[in-house]
């Protein structure tokens, strides 16, 4: 996830220290608060929970997030403010890793406004 083009890894601003945040290279500010897990701070559209959990919190357009909920891949973030914050379950195998990374890419595109 942190090897994707145009991102860099760092400490999450809103999750425990064991979590790893995805920041967008060269982008400090959010384009809209609903694209950031840490509204008003450095743009953090995604963070991965510790190595024993591997679930991911991220932002997505509400309709897409609800599709993932209906498919059993995600649930609304327990601290959602904008209806765009979701928790995607940790992958169980390599096929699911690819699926989760694809959703992370969608989140990054949403944060970029693409």
PDB file of N, CA and C in Angstrom:
ATOM      1  N   UNK A   1       0.827  -1.192   0.000  1.00  0.00           N
ATOM      2  CA  UNK A   1       0.000   0.000   0.000  1.00  0.00           C
ATOM      3  C   UNK A   1       0.872   1.257   0.000  1.00  0.00           C
ATOM      4  N   UNK A   2       1.910   1.255   0.806  1.00  0.00           N
ATOM      5  CA  UNK A   2       2.774   2.430   0.883  1.00  0.00           C
ATOM      6  C   UNK A   2       3.766   2.482  -0.271  1.00  0.00           C
ATOM      7  N   UNK A   3       3.779   1.464  -1.130  1.00  0.00           N
ATOM      8  CA  UNK A   3       4.645   1.457  -2.307  1.00  0.00           C
ATOM      9  C   UNK A   3       3.927   1.992  -3.543  1.00  0.00           C
ATOM     10  N   UNK A   4       2.671   2.375  -3.396  1.00  0.00           N
ATOM     11  CA  UNK A   4       1.923   2.924  -4.532  1.00  0.00           C
ATOM     12  C   UNK A   4       2.549   4.237  -4.978  1.00  0.00           C
ATOM     13  N   UNK A   5       2.424   4.543  -6.258  1.00  0.00           N
ATOM     14  CA  UNK A   5       2.970   5.783  -6.796  1.00  0.00           C
ATOM     15  C   UNK A   5       2.325   6.998  -6.145  1.00  0.00           C
ATOM     16  N   UNK A   6       3.151   7.978  -5.816  1.00  0.00           N
ATOM     17  CA  UNK A   6       2.654   9.260  -5.337  1.00  0.00           C
ATOM     18  C   UNK A   6       2.241   9.299  -3.887  1.00  0.00           C
ATOM     19  N   UNK A   7       2.618   8.271  -3.107  1.00  0.00           N
ATOM     20  CA  UNK A   7       2.277   8.278  -1.687  1.00  0.00           C
ATOM     21  C   UNK A   7       3.538   8.092  -0.850  1.00  0.00           C
ATOM     22  N   UNK A   8       3.425   8.474   0.400  1.00  0.00           N
ATOM     23  CA  UNK A   8       4.500   8.217   1.353  1.00  0.00           C
ATOM     24  C   UNK A   8       3.872   7.761   2.664  1.00  0.00           C
ATOM     25  N   UNK A   9       4.656   7.048   3.415  1.00  0.00           N
ATOM     26  CA  UNK A   9       4.199   6.441   4.664  1.00  0.00           C
ATOM     27  C   UNK A   9       4.572   7.331   5.842  1.00  0.00           C
ATOM     28  N   UNK A  10       3.748   7.301   6.871  1.00  0.00           N
ATOM     29  CA  UNK A  10       4.052   8.044   8.082  1.00  0.00           C
ATOM     30  C   UNK A  10       3.195   7.578   9.228  1.00  0.00           C
ATOM     31  N   UNK A  11       3.345   8.244  10.361  1.00  0.00           N
ATOM     32  CA  UNK A  11       2.534   7.935  11.538  1.00  0.00           C
ATOM     33  C   UNK A  11       1.151   8.545  11.368  1.00  0.00           C
ATOM     34  N   UNK A  12       0.134   7.761  11.660  1.00  0.00           N
ATOM     35  CA  UNK A  12      -1.227   8.287  11.591  1.00  0.00           C
ATOM     36  C   UNK A  12      -1.406   9.406  12.601  1.00  0.00           C
ATOM     37  N   UNK A  13      -2.194  10.392  12.219  1.00  0.00           N
ATOM     38  CA  UNK A  13      -2.500  11.517  13.101  1.00  0.00           C
ATOM     39  C   UNK A  13      -3.686  11.238  14.001  1.00  0.00           C
ATOM     40  N   UNK A  14      -4.416  10.144  13.722  1.00  0.00           N
ATOM     41  CA  UNK A  14      -5.667   9.887  14.443  1.00  0.00           C
ATOM     42  C   UNK A  14      -5.822   8.442  14.911  1.00  0.00           C
ATOM     43  N   UNK A  15      -4.820   7.620  14.729  1.00  0.00           N
ATOM     44  CA  UNK A  15      -4.911   6.210  15.070  1.00  0.00           C
ATOM     45  C   UNK A  15      -3.728   5.850  15.964  1.00  0.00           C
ATOM     46  N   UNK A  16      -3.772   4.725  16.662  1.00  0.00           N
ATOM     47  CA  UNK A  16      -2.668   4.349  17.558  1.00  0.00           C
ATOM     48  C   UNK A  16      -1.307   4.321  16.853  1.00  0.00           C
ATOM     49  N   UNK A  17      -0.268   4.405  17.637  1.00  0.00           N
ATOM     50  CA  UNK A  17       1.099   4.505  17.112  1.00  0.00           C
ATOM     51  C   UNK A  17       1.486   3.349  16.200  1.00  0.00           C
ATOM     52  N   UNK A  18       0.875   2.191  16.371  1.00  0.00           N
ATOM     53  CA  UNK A  18       1.216   1.043  15.524  1.00  0.00           C
ATOM     54  C   UNK A  18       0.609   1.152  14.123  1.00  0.00           C
ATOM     55  N   UNK A  19      -0.258   2.121  13.915  1.00  0.00           N
ATOM     56  CA  UNK A  19      -0.889   2.310  12.606  1.00  0.00           C
ATOM     57  C   UNK A  19       0.034   3.081  11.674  1.00  0.00           C
ATOM     58  N   UNK A  20      -0.072   2.796  10.377  1.00  0.00           N
ATOM     59  CA  UNK A  20       0.727   3.470   9.363  1.00  0.00           C
ATOM     60  C   UNK A  20      -0.190   4.245   8.436  1.00  0.00           C
ATOM     61  N   UNK A  21       0.087   5.516   8.285  1.00  0.00           N
ATOM     62  CA  UNK A  21      -0.731   6.380   7.436  1.00  0.00           C
ATOM     63  C   UNK A  21      -0.166   6.435   6.028  1.00  0.00           C
ATOM     64  N   UNK A  22      -1.074   6.660   5.085  1.00  0.00           N
ATOM     65  CA  UNK A  22      -0.703   6.949   3.706  1.00  0.00           C
ATOM     66  C   UNK A  22      -0.960   8.432   3.489  1.00  0.00           C
ATOM     67  N   UNK A  23       0.088   9.150   3.144  1.00  0.00           N
ATOM     68  CA  UNK A  23      -0.009  10.558   2.797  1.00  0.00           C
ATOM     69  C   UNK A  23       0.278  10.700   1.312  1.00  0.00           C
ATOM     70  N   UNK A  24      -0.232  11.739   0.702  1.00  0.00           N
ATOM     71  CA  UNK A  24       0.012  11.979  -0.709  1.00  0.00           C
ATOM     72  C   UNK A  24       1.232  12.876  -0.855  1.00  0.00           C
ATOM     73  N   UNK A  25       2.194  12.429  -1.643  1.00  0.00           N
ATOM     74  CA  UNK A  25       3.409  13.223  -1.840  1.00  0.00           C
ATOM     75  C   UNK A  25       3.064  14.584  -2.435  1.00  0.00           C
ATOM     76  N   UNK A  26       3.606  15.619  -1.822  1.00  0.00           N
ATOM     77  CA  UNK A  26       3.411  16.971  -2.335  1.00  0.00           C
ATOM     78  C   UNK A  26       2.051  17.573  -2.033  1.00  0.00           C
ATOM     79  N   UNK A  27       1.210  16.859  -1.272  1.00  0.00           N
ATOM     80  CA  UNK A  27      -0.125  17.367  -0.938  1.00  0.00           C
ATOM     81  C   UNK A  27      -0.239  17.410   0.581  1.00  0.00           C
ATOM     82  N   UNK A  28      -0.251  18.587   1.120  1.00  0.00           N
ATOM     83  CA  UNK A  28      -0.366  18.745   2.568  1.00  0.00           C
ATOM     84  C   UNK A  28      -1.814  18.971   3.005  1.00  0.00           C
ATOM     85  N   UNK A  29      -2.555  19.730   2.214  1.00  0.00           N
ATOM     86  CA  UNK A  29      -3.902  20.118   2.620  1.00  0.00           C
ATOM     87  C   UNK A  29      -4.961  19.320   1.879  1.00  0.00           C
ATOM     88  N   UNK A  30      -6.039  19.071   2.566  1.00  0.00           N
ATOM     89  CA  UNK A  30      -7.178  18.375   1.965  1.00  0.00           C
ATOM     90  C   UNK A  30      -7.902  19.294   0.993  1.00  0.00           C
ATOM     91  N   UNK A  31      -8.501  18.712  -0.032  1.00  0.00           N
ATOM     92  CA  UNK A  31      -9.317  19.528  -0.940  1.00  0.00           C
ATOM     93  C   UNK A  31     -10.699  19.730  -0.352  1.00  0.00           C
ATOM     94  N   UNK A  32     -11.127  18.802   0.510  1.00  0.00           N
ATOM     95  CA  UNK A  32     -12.408  18.873   1.217  1.00  0.00           C
ATOM     96  C   UNK A  32     -12.283  18.009   2.463  1.00  0.00           C
ATOM     97  N   UNK A  33     -12.873  18.391   3.586  1.00  0.00           N
ATOM     98  CA  UNK A  33     -12.703  17.626   4.825  1.00  0.00           C
ATOM     99  C   UNK A  33     -13.160  16.170   4.728  1.00  0.00           C
ATOM    100  N   UNK A  34     -14.130  15.889   3.875  1.00  0.00           N
ATOM    101  CA  UNK A  34     -14.630  14.514   3.767  1.00  0.00           C
ATOM    102  C   UNK A  34     -13.652  13.582   3.055  1.00  0.00           C
ATOM    103  N   UNK A  35     -12.534  14.118   2.559  1.00  0.00           N
ATOM    104  CA  UNK A  35     -11.516  13.289   1.914  1.00  0.00           C
ATOM    105  C   UNK A  35     -10.357  12.971   2.850  1.00  0.00           C
ATOM    106  N   UNK A  36     -10.503  13.300   4.134  1.00  0.00           N
ATOM    107  CA  UNK A  36      -9.400  13.198   5.082  1.00  0.00           C
ATOM    108  C   UNK A  36      -9.861  12.520   6.365  1.00  0.00           C
ATOM    109  N   UNK A  37      -9.110  11.539   6.840  1.00  0.00           N
ATOM    110  CA  UNK A  37      -9.412  10.922   8.131  1.00  0.00           C
ATOM    111  C   UNK A  37      -9.058  11.847   9.292  1.00  0.00           C
ATOM    112  N   UNK A  38      -8.285  12.888   9.016  1.00  0.00           N
ATOM    113  CA  UNK A  38      -7.864  13.861  10.027  1.00  0.00           C
ATOM    114  C   UNK A  38      -8.211  15.263   9.541  1.00  0.00           C
ATOM    115  N   UNK A  39      -9.501  15.581   9.412  1.00  0.00           N
ATOM    116  CA  UNK A  39      -9.882  16.883   8.853  1.00  0.00           C
ATOM    117  C   UNK A  39      -9.170  18.049   9.540  1.00  0.00           C
ATOM    118  N   UNK A  40      -8.700  18.981   8.714  1.00  0.00           N
ATOM    119  CA  UNK A  40      -8.010  20.154   9.230  1.00  0.00           C
ATOM    120  C   UNK A  40      -6.527  19.939   9.454  1.00  0.00           C
ATOM    121  N   UNK A  41      -6.054  18.711   9.276  1.00  0.00           N
ATOM    122  CA  UNK A  41      -4.624  18.403   9.420  1.00  0.00           C
ATOM    123  C   UNK A  41      -4.092  17.938   8.077  1.00  0.00           C
ATOM    124  N   UNK A  42      -2.864  17.463   8.080  1.00  0.00           N
ATOM    125  CA  UNK A  42      -2.270  16.927   6.843  1.00  0.00           C
ATOM    126  C   UNK A  42      -3.200  15.868   6.242  1.00  0.00           C
ATOM    127  N   UNK A  43      -3.312  15.856   4.940  1.00  0.00           N
ATOM    128  CA  UNK A  43      -4.212  14.939   4.249  1.00  0.00           C
ATOM    129  C   UNK A  43      -3.801  13.488   4.490  1.00  0.00           C
ATOM    130  N   UNK A  44      -4.679  12.743   5.152  1.00  0.00           N
ATOM    131  CA  UNK A  44      -4.477  11.322   5.470  1.00  0.00           C
ATOM    132  C   UNK A  44      -5.725  10.558   5.010  1.00  0.00           C
ATOM    133  N   UNK A  45      -5.761  10.136   3.742  1.00  0.00           N
ATOM    134  CA  UNK A  45      -6.956   9.448   3.268  1.00  0.00           C
ATOM    135  C   UNK A  45      -7.049   7.989   3.699  1.00  0.00           C
ATOM    136  N   UNK A  46      -5.926   7.421   4.148  1.00  0.00           N
ATOM    137  CA  UNK A  46      -5.880   5.991   4.474  1.00  0.00           C
ATOM    138  C   UNK A  46      -4.921   5.767   5.629  1.00  0.00           C
ATOM    139  N   UNK A  47      -5.277   4.855   6.529  1.00  0.00           N
ATOM    140  CA  UNK A  47      -4.271   4.301   7.428  1.00  0.00           C
ATOM    141  C   UNK A  47      -4.540   2.823   7.667  1.00  0.00           C
ATOM    142  N   UNK A  48      -3.452   2.093   7.796  1.00  0.00           N
ATOM    143  CA  UNK A  48      -3.461   0.654   8.034  1.00  0.00           C
ATOM    144  C   UNK A  48      -3.225   0.435   9.511  1.00  0.00           C
ATOM    145  N   UNK A  49      -4.050  -0.392  10.116  1.00  0.00           N
ATOM    146  CA  UNK A  49      -3.871  -0.699  11.536  1.00  0.00           C
ATOM    147  C   UNK A  49      -2.693  -1.639  11.725  1.00  0.00           C
ATOM    148  N   UNK A  50      -2.294  -1.849  12.953  1.00  0.00           N
ATOM    149  CA  UNK A  50      -1.096  -2.618  13.275  1.00  0.00           C
ATOM    150  C   UNK A  50      -0.972  -3.947  12.550  1.00  0.00           C
ATOM    151  N   UNK A  51       0.212  -4.508  12.588  1.00  0.00           N
ATOM    152  CA  UNK A  51       0.512  -5.712  11.818  1.00  0.00           C
ATOM    153  C   UNK A  51      -0.309  -6.929  12.229  1.00  0.00           C
ATOM    154  N   UNK A  52      -0.877  -6.935  13.409  1.00  0.00           N
ATOM    155  CA  UNK A  52      -1.717  -8.072  13.807  1.00  0.00           C
ATOM    156  C   UNK A  52      -3.176  -7.867  13.444  1.00  0.00           C
ATOM    157  N   UNK A  53      -3.566  -6.685  13.029  1.00  0.00           N
ATOM    158  CA  UNK A  53      -4.952  -6.380  12.672  1.00  0.00           C
ATOM    159  C   UNK A  53      -5.118  -6.357  11.154  1.00  0.00           C
ATOM    160  N   UNK A  54      -4.418  -5.484  10.496  1.00  0.00           N
ATOM    161  CA  UNK A  54      -4.387  -5.274   9.044  1.00  0.00           C
ATOM    162  C   UNK A  54      -5.676  -4.741   8.435  1.00  0.00           C
ATOM    163  N   UNK A  55      -6.634  -4.325   9.250  1.00  0.00           N
ATOM    164  CA  UNK A  55      -7.778  -3.623   8.670  1.00  0.00           C
ATOM    165  C   UNK A  55      -7.320  -2.220   8.281  1.00  0.00           C
ATOM    166  N   UNK A  56      -8.108  -1.582   7.438  1.00  0.00           N
ATOM    167  CA  UNK A  56      -7.737  -0.281   6.891  1.00  0.00           C
ATOM    168  C   UNK A  56      -8.893   0.691   7.101  1.00  0.00           C
ATOM    169  N   UNK A  57      -8.599   1.874   7.624  1.00  0.00           N
ATOM    170  CA  UNK A  57      -9.567   2.962   7.617  1.00  0.00           C
ATOM    171  C   UNK A  57      -9.244   3.832   6.414  1.00  0.00           C
ATOM    172  N   UNK A  58     -10.285   4.243   5.699  1.00  0.00           N
ATOM    173  CA  UNK A  58     -10.072   5.080   4.527  1.00  0.00           C
ATOM    174  C   UNK A  58     -11.329   5.878   4.215  1.00  0.00           C
ATOM    175  N   UNK A  59     -11.186   6.795   3.292  1.00  0.00           N
ATOM    176  CA  UNK A  59     -12.314   7.598   2.826  1.00  0.00           C
ATOM    177  C   UNK A  59     -12.649   7.213   1.391  1.00  0.00           C
ATOM    178  N   UNK A  60     -13.938   7.177   1.107  1.00  0.00           N
ATOM    179  CA  UNK A  60     -14.455   6.868  -0.222  1.00  0.00           C
ATOM    180  C   UNK A  60     -15.723   7.671  -0.443  1.00  0.00           C
ATOM    181  N   UNK A  61     -16.088   7.897  -1.692  1.00  0.00           N
ATOM    182  CA  UNK A  61     -17.410   8.479  -1.915  1.00  0.00           C
ATOM    183  C   UNK A  61     -18.460   7.599  -1.224  1.00  0.00           C
ATOM    184  N   UNK A  62     -19.448   8.219  -0.629  1.00  0.00           N
ATOM    185  CA  UNK A  62     -20.440   7.495   0.177  1.00  0.00           C
ATOM    186  C   UNK A  62     -21.059   6.314  -0.577  1.00  0.00           C
ATOM    187  N   UNK A  63     -21.422   6.527  -1.821  1.00  0.00           N
ATOM    188  CA  UNK A  63     -22.079   5.463  -2.585  1.00  0.00           C
ATOM    189  C   UNK A  63     -21.164   4.250  -2.739  1.00  0.00           C
ATOM    190  N   UNK A  64     -19.876   4.493  -3.016  1.00  0.00           N
ATOM    191  CA  UNK A  64     -18.928   3.394  -3.174  1.00  0.00           C
ATOM    192  C   UNK A  64     -18.699   2.679  -1.846  1.00  0.00           C
ATOM    193  N   UNK A  65     -18.588   3.442  -0.783  1.00  0.00           N
ATOM    194  CA  UNK A  65     -18.426   2.832   0.535  1.00  0.00           C
ATOM    195  C   UNK A  65     -19.594   1.932   0.892  1.00  0.00           C
ATOM    196  N   UNK A  66     -20.791   2.394   0.580  1.00  0.00           N
ATOM    197  CA  UNK A  66     -21.978   1.592   0.872  1.00  0.00           C
ATOM    198  C   UNK A  66     -22.040   0.325   0.012  1.00  0.00           C
ATOM    199  N   UNK A  67     -21.493   0.392  -1.201  1.00  0.00           N
ATOM    200  CA  UNK A  67     -21.393  -0.823  -2.030  1.00  0.00           C
ATOM    201  C   UNK A  67     -20.505  -1.850  -1.339  1.00  0.00           C
ATOM    202  N   UNK A  68     -19.381  -1.397  -0.796  1.00  0.00           N
ATOM    203  CA  UNK A  68     -18.474  -2.313  -0.104  1.00  0.00           C
ATOM    204  C   UNK A  68     -19.105  -2.878   1.154  1.00  0.00           C
ATOM    205  N   UNK A  69     -19.889  -2.069   1.854  1.00  0.00           N
ATOM    206  CA  UNK A  69     -20.622  -2.562   3.032  1.00  0.00           C
ATOM    207  C   UNK A  69     -21.582  -3.662   2.605  1.00  0.00           C
ATOM    208  N   UNK A  70     -22.352  -3.418   1.553  1.00  0.00           N
ATOM    209  CA  UNK A  70     -23.324  -4.405   1.066  1.00  0.00           C
ATOM    210  C   UNK A  70     -22.651  -5.699   0.624  1.00  0.00           C
ATOM    211  N   UNK A  71     -21.427  -5.592   0.113  1.00  0.00           N
ATOM    212  CA  UNK A  71     -20.678  -6.770  -0.329  1.00  0.00           C
ATOM    213  C   UNK A  71     -19.997  -7.509   0.829  1.00  0.00           C
ATOM    214  N   UNK A  72     -20.042  -6.919   2.033  1.00  0.00           N
ATOM    215  CA  UNK A  72     -19.423  -7.547   3.195  1.00  0.00           C
ATOM    216  C   UNK A  72     -17.932  -7.281   3.333  1.00  0.00           C
ATOM    217  N   UNK A  73     -17.418  -6.281   2.611  1.00  0.00           N
ATOM    218  CA  UNK A  73     -15.995  -5.949   2.659  1.00  0.00           C
ATOM    219  C   UNK A  73     -15.671  -4.844   3.657  1.00  0.00           C
ATOM    220  N   UNK A  74     -16.682  -4.108   4.097  1.00  0.00           N
ATOM    221  CA  UNK A  74     -16.414  -2.916   4.895  1.00  0.00           C
ATOM    222  C   UNK A  74     -17.578  -2.626   5.829  1.00  0.00           C
ATOM    223  N   UNK A  75     -17.338  -1.681   6.721  1.00  0.00           N
ATOM    224  CA  UNK A  75     -18.404  -1.117   7.547  1.00  0.00           C
ATOM    225  C   UNK A  75     -18.110   0.363   7.740  1.00  0.00           C
ATOM    226  N   UNK A  76     -19.148   1.102   8.051  1.00  0.00           N
ATOM    227  CA  UNK A  76     -18.965   2.531   8.302  1.00  0.00           C
ATOM    228  C   UNK A  76     -18.028   2.702   9.496  1.00  0.00           C
ATOM    229  N   UNK A  77     -17.148   3.673   9.401  1.00  0.00           N
ATOM    230  CA  UNK A  77     -16.205   3.984  10.486  1.00  0.00           C
ATOM    231  C   UNK A  77     -17.013   4.375  11.722  1.00  0.00           C
ATOM    232  N   UNK A  78     -16.611   3.888  12.876  1.00  0.00           N
ATOM    233  CA  UNK A  78     -17.366   4.180  14.098  1.00  0.00           C
ATOM    234  C   UNK A  78     -17.342   5.653  14.486  1.00  0.00           C
ATOM    235  N   UNK A  79     -16.377   6.407  13.980  1.00  0.00           N
ATOM    236  CA  UNK A  79     -16.295   7.840  14.282  1.00  0.00           C
ATOM    237  C   UNK A  79     -16.511   8.698  13.043  1.00  0.00           C
ATOM    238  N   UNK A  80     -17.365   8.253  12.148  1.00  0.00           N
ATOM    239  CA  UNK A  80     -17.566   8.995  10.900  1.00  0.00           C
ATOM    240  C   UNK A  80     -18.190  10.366  11.168  1.00  0.00           C
ATOM    241  N   UNK A  81     -17.724  11.336  10.402  1.00  0.00           N
ATOM    242  CA  UNK A  81     -18.259  12.698  10.461  1.00  0.00           C
ATOM    243  C   UNK A  81     -18.987  13.076   9.178  1.00  0.00           C
ATOM    244  N   UNK A  82     -18.577  12.483   8.060  1.00  0.00           N
ATOM    245  CA  UNK A  82     -19.078  12.920   6.762  1.00  0.00           C
ATOM    246  C   UNK A  82     -19.766  11.816   5.964  1.00  0.00           C
ATOM    247  N   UNK A  83     -19.806  10.601   6.491  1.00  0.00           N
ATOM    248  CA  UNK A  83     -20.389   9.486   5.747  1.00  0.00           C
ATOM    249  C   UNK A  83     -19.475   8.974   4.652  1.00  0.00           C
ATOM    250  N   UNK A  84     -18.205   9.351   4.707  1.00  0.00           N
ATOM    251  CA  UNK A  84     -17.222   8.906   3.712  1.00  0.00           C
ATOM    252  C   UNK A  84     -16.124   8.055   4.340  1.00  0.00           C
ATOM    253  N   UNK A  85     -16.203   7.849   5.638  1.00  0.00           N
ATOM    254  CA  UNK A  85     -15.160   7.134   6.364  1.00  0.00           C
ATOM    255  C   UNK A  85     -15.582   5.681   6.571  1.00  0.00           C
ATOM    256  N   UNK A  86     -14.714   4.750   6.144  1.00  0.00           N
ATOM    257  CA  UNK A  86     -15.032   3.325   6.216  1.00  0.00           C
ATOM    258  C   UNK A  86     -13.863   2.532   6.768  1.00  0.00           C
ATOM    259  N   UNK A  87     -14.194   1.389   7.351  1.00  0.00           N
ATOM    260  CA  UNK A  87     -13.203   0.416   7.774  1.00  0.00           C
ATOM    261  C   UNK A  87     -13.329  -0.774   6.836  1.00  0.00           C
ATOM    262  N   UNK A  88     -12.247  -1.095   6.159  1.00  0.00           N
ATOM    263  CA  UNK A  88     -12.203  -2.241   5.260  1.00  0.00           C
ATOM    264  C   UNK A  88     -11.496  -3.362   6.017  1.00  0.00           C
ATOM    265  N   UNK A  89     -12.109  -4.531   6.013  1.00  0.00           N
ATOM    266  CA  UNK A  89     -11.568  -5.672   6.754  1.00  0.00           C
ATOM    267  C   UNK A  89     -10.212  -6.093   6.219  1.00  0.00           C
ATOM    268  N   UNK A  90      -9.376  -6.621   7.100  1.00  0.00           N
ATOM    269  CA  UNK A  90      -8.058  -7.103   6.712  1.00  0.00           C
ATOM    270  C   UNK A  90      -8.165  -8.290   5.773  1.00  0.00           C
ATOM    271  N   UNK A  91      -7.280  -8.363   4.800  1.00  0.00           N
ATOM    272  CA  UNK A  91      -7.313  -9.465   3.844  1.00  0.00           C
ATOM    273  C   UNK A  91      -6.887 -10.786   4.486  1.00  0.00           C
ATOM    274  N   UNK A  92      -7.445 -11.885   3.961  1.00  0.00           N
ATOM    275  CA  UNK A  92      -7.130 -13.226   4.474  1.00  0.00           C
ATOM    276  C   UNK A  92      -6.182 -13.994   3.571  1.00  0.00           C
ATOM    277  N   UNK A  93      -6.010 -13.554   2.337  1.00  0.00           N
ATOM    278  CA  UNK A  93      -5.120 -14.232   1.400  1.00  0.00           C
ATOM    279  C   UNK A  93      -4.645 -13.232   0.352  1.00  0.00           C
ATOM    280  N   UNK A  94      -3.794 -13.681  -0.570  1.00  0.00           N
ATOM    281  CA  UNK A  94      -3.206 -12.747  -1.532  1.00  0.00           C
ATOM    282  C   UNK A  94      -4.231 -12.160  -2.491  1.00  0.00           C
ATOM    283  N   UNK A  95      -5.262 -12.918  -2.819  1.00  0.00           N
ATOM    284  CA  UNK A  95      -6.311 -12.373  -3.683  1.00  0.00           C
ATOM    285  C   UNK A  95      -7.000 -11.207  -2.989  1.00  0.00           C
ATOM    286  N   UNK A  96      -7.277 -11.366  -1.710  1.00  0.00           N
ATOM    287  CA  UNK A  96      -7.911 -10.280  -0.960  1.00  0.00           C
ATOM    288  C   UNK A  96      -6.965  -9.106  -0.748  1.00  0.00           C
ATOM    289  N   UNK A  97      -5.663  -9.355  -0.656  1.00  0.00           N
ATOM    290  CA  UNK A  97      -4.700  -8.248  -0.561  1.00  0.00           C
ATOM    291  C   UNK A  97      -4.845  -7.361  -1.799  1.00  0.00           C
ATOM    292  N   UNK A  98      -4.902  -7.991  -2.962  1.00  0.00           N
ATOM    293  CA  UNK A  98      -5.054  -7.226  -4.208  1.00  0.00           C
ATOM    294  C   UNK A  98      -6.348  -6.421  -4.210  1.00  0.00           C
ATOM    295  N   UNK A  99      -7.425  -7.006  -3.714  1.00  0.00           N
ATOM    296  CA  UNK A  99      -8.713  -6.312  -3.665  1.00  0.00           C
ATOM    297  C   UNK A  99      -8.643  -5.108  -2.720  1.00  0.00           C
ATOM    298  N   UNK A 100      -8.035  -5.291  -1.552  1.00  0.00           N
ATOM    299  CA  UNK A 100      -7.929  -4.193  -0.587  1.00  0.00           C
ATOM    300  C   UNK A 100      -7.044  -3.076  -1.148  1.00  0.00           C
ATOM    301  N   UNK A 101      -5.937  -3.441  -1.781  1.00  0.00           N
ATOM    302  CA  UNK A 101      -5.069  -2.414  -2.381  1.00  0.00           C
ATOM    303  C   UNK A 101      -5.834  -1.643  -3.455  1.00  0.00           C
ATOM    304  N   UNK A 102      -6.672  -2.315  -4.196  1.00  0.00           N
ATOM    305  CA  UNK A 102      -7.492  -1.640  -5.211  1.00  0.00           C
ATOM    306  C   UNK A 102      -8.421  -0.614  -4.567  1.00  0.00           C
ATOM    307  N   UNK A 103      -9.009  -0.958  -3.438  1.00  0.00           N
ATOM    308  CA  UNK A 103      -9.883  -0.023  -2.723  1.00  0.00           C
ATOM    309  C   UNK A 103      -9.055   1.141  -2.170  1.00  0.00           C
ATOM    310  N   UNK A 104      -7.856   0.867  -1.695  1.00  0.00           N
ATOM    311  CA  UNK A 104      -6.964   1.932  -1.233  1.00  0.00           C
ATOM    312  C   UNK A 104      -6.677   2.895  -2.385  1.00  0.00           C
ATOM    313  N   UNK A 105      -6.436   2.370  -3.576  1.00  0.00           N
ATOM    314  CA  UNK A 105      -6.206   3.225  -4.744  1.00  0.00           C
ATOM    315  C   UNK A 105      -7.426   4.095  -5.039  1.00  0.00           C
ATOM    316  N   UNK A 106      -8.612   3.548  -4.856  1.00  0.00           N
ATOM    317  CA  UNK A 106      -9.839   4.348  -5.036  1.00  0.00           C
ATOM    318  C   UNK A 106      -9.886   5.488  -4.022  1.00  0.00           C
ATOM    319  N   UNK A 107      -9.501   5.197  -2.786  1.00  0.00           N
ATOM    320  CA  UNK A 107      -9.500   6.213  -1.734  1.00  0.00           C
ATOM    321  C   UNK A 107      -8.513   7.338  -2.063  1.00  0.00           C
ATOM    322  N   UNK A 108      -7.336   6.965  -2.526  1.00  0.00           N
ATOM    323  CA  UNK A 108      -6.325   7.963  -2.888  1.00  0.00           C
ATOM    324  C   UNK A 108      -6.838   8.834  -4.036  1.00  0.00           C
ATOM    325  N   UNK A 109      -7.460   8.222  -5.020  1.00  0.00           N
ATOM    326  CA  UNK A 109      -8.028   8.986  -6.145  1.00  0.00           C
ATOM    327  C   UNK A 109      -9.117   9.940  -5.645  1.00  0.00           C
ATOM    328  N   UNK A 110      -9.956   9.473  -4.719  1.00  0.00           N
ATOM    329  CA  UNK A 110     -11.011  10.326  -4.147  1.00  0.00           C
ATOM    330  C   UNK A 110     -10.378  11.525  -3.431  1.00  0.00           C
ATOM    331  N   UNK A 111      -9.326  11.275  -2.656  1.00  0.00           N
ATOM    332  CA  UNK A 111      -8.663  12.367  -1.943  1.00  0.00           C
ATOM    333  C   UNK A 111      -8.034  13.371  -2.905  1.00  0.00           C
ATOM    334  N   UNK A 112      -7.551  12.881  -4.032  1.00  0.00           N
ATOM    335  CA  UNK A 112      -6.943  13.755  -5.054  1.00  0.00           C
ATOM    336  C   UNK A 112      -7.991  14.498  -5.872  1.00  0.00           C
ATOM    337  N   UNK A 113      -9.229  14.039  -5.824  1.00  0.00           N
ATOM    338  CA  UNK A 113     -10.277  14.670  -6.626  1.00  0.00           C
ATOM    339  C   UNK A 113     -10.328  14.119  -8.037  1.00  0.00           C
ATOM    340  N   UNK A 114      -9.757  12.942  -8.229  1.00  0.00           N
ATOM    341  CA  UNK A 114      -9.715  12.325  -9.571  1.00  0.00           C
ATOM    342  C   UNK A 114     -10.975  11.517  -9.843  1.00  0.00           C
TER     343      UNK A 114
END
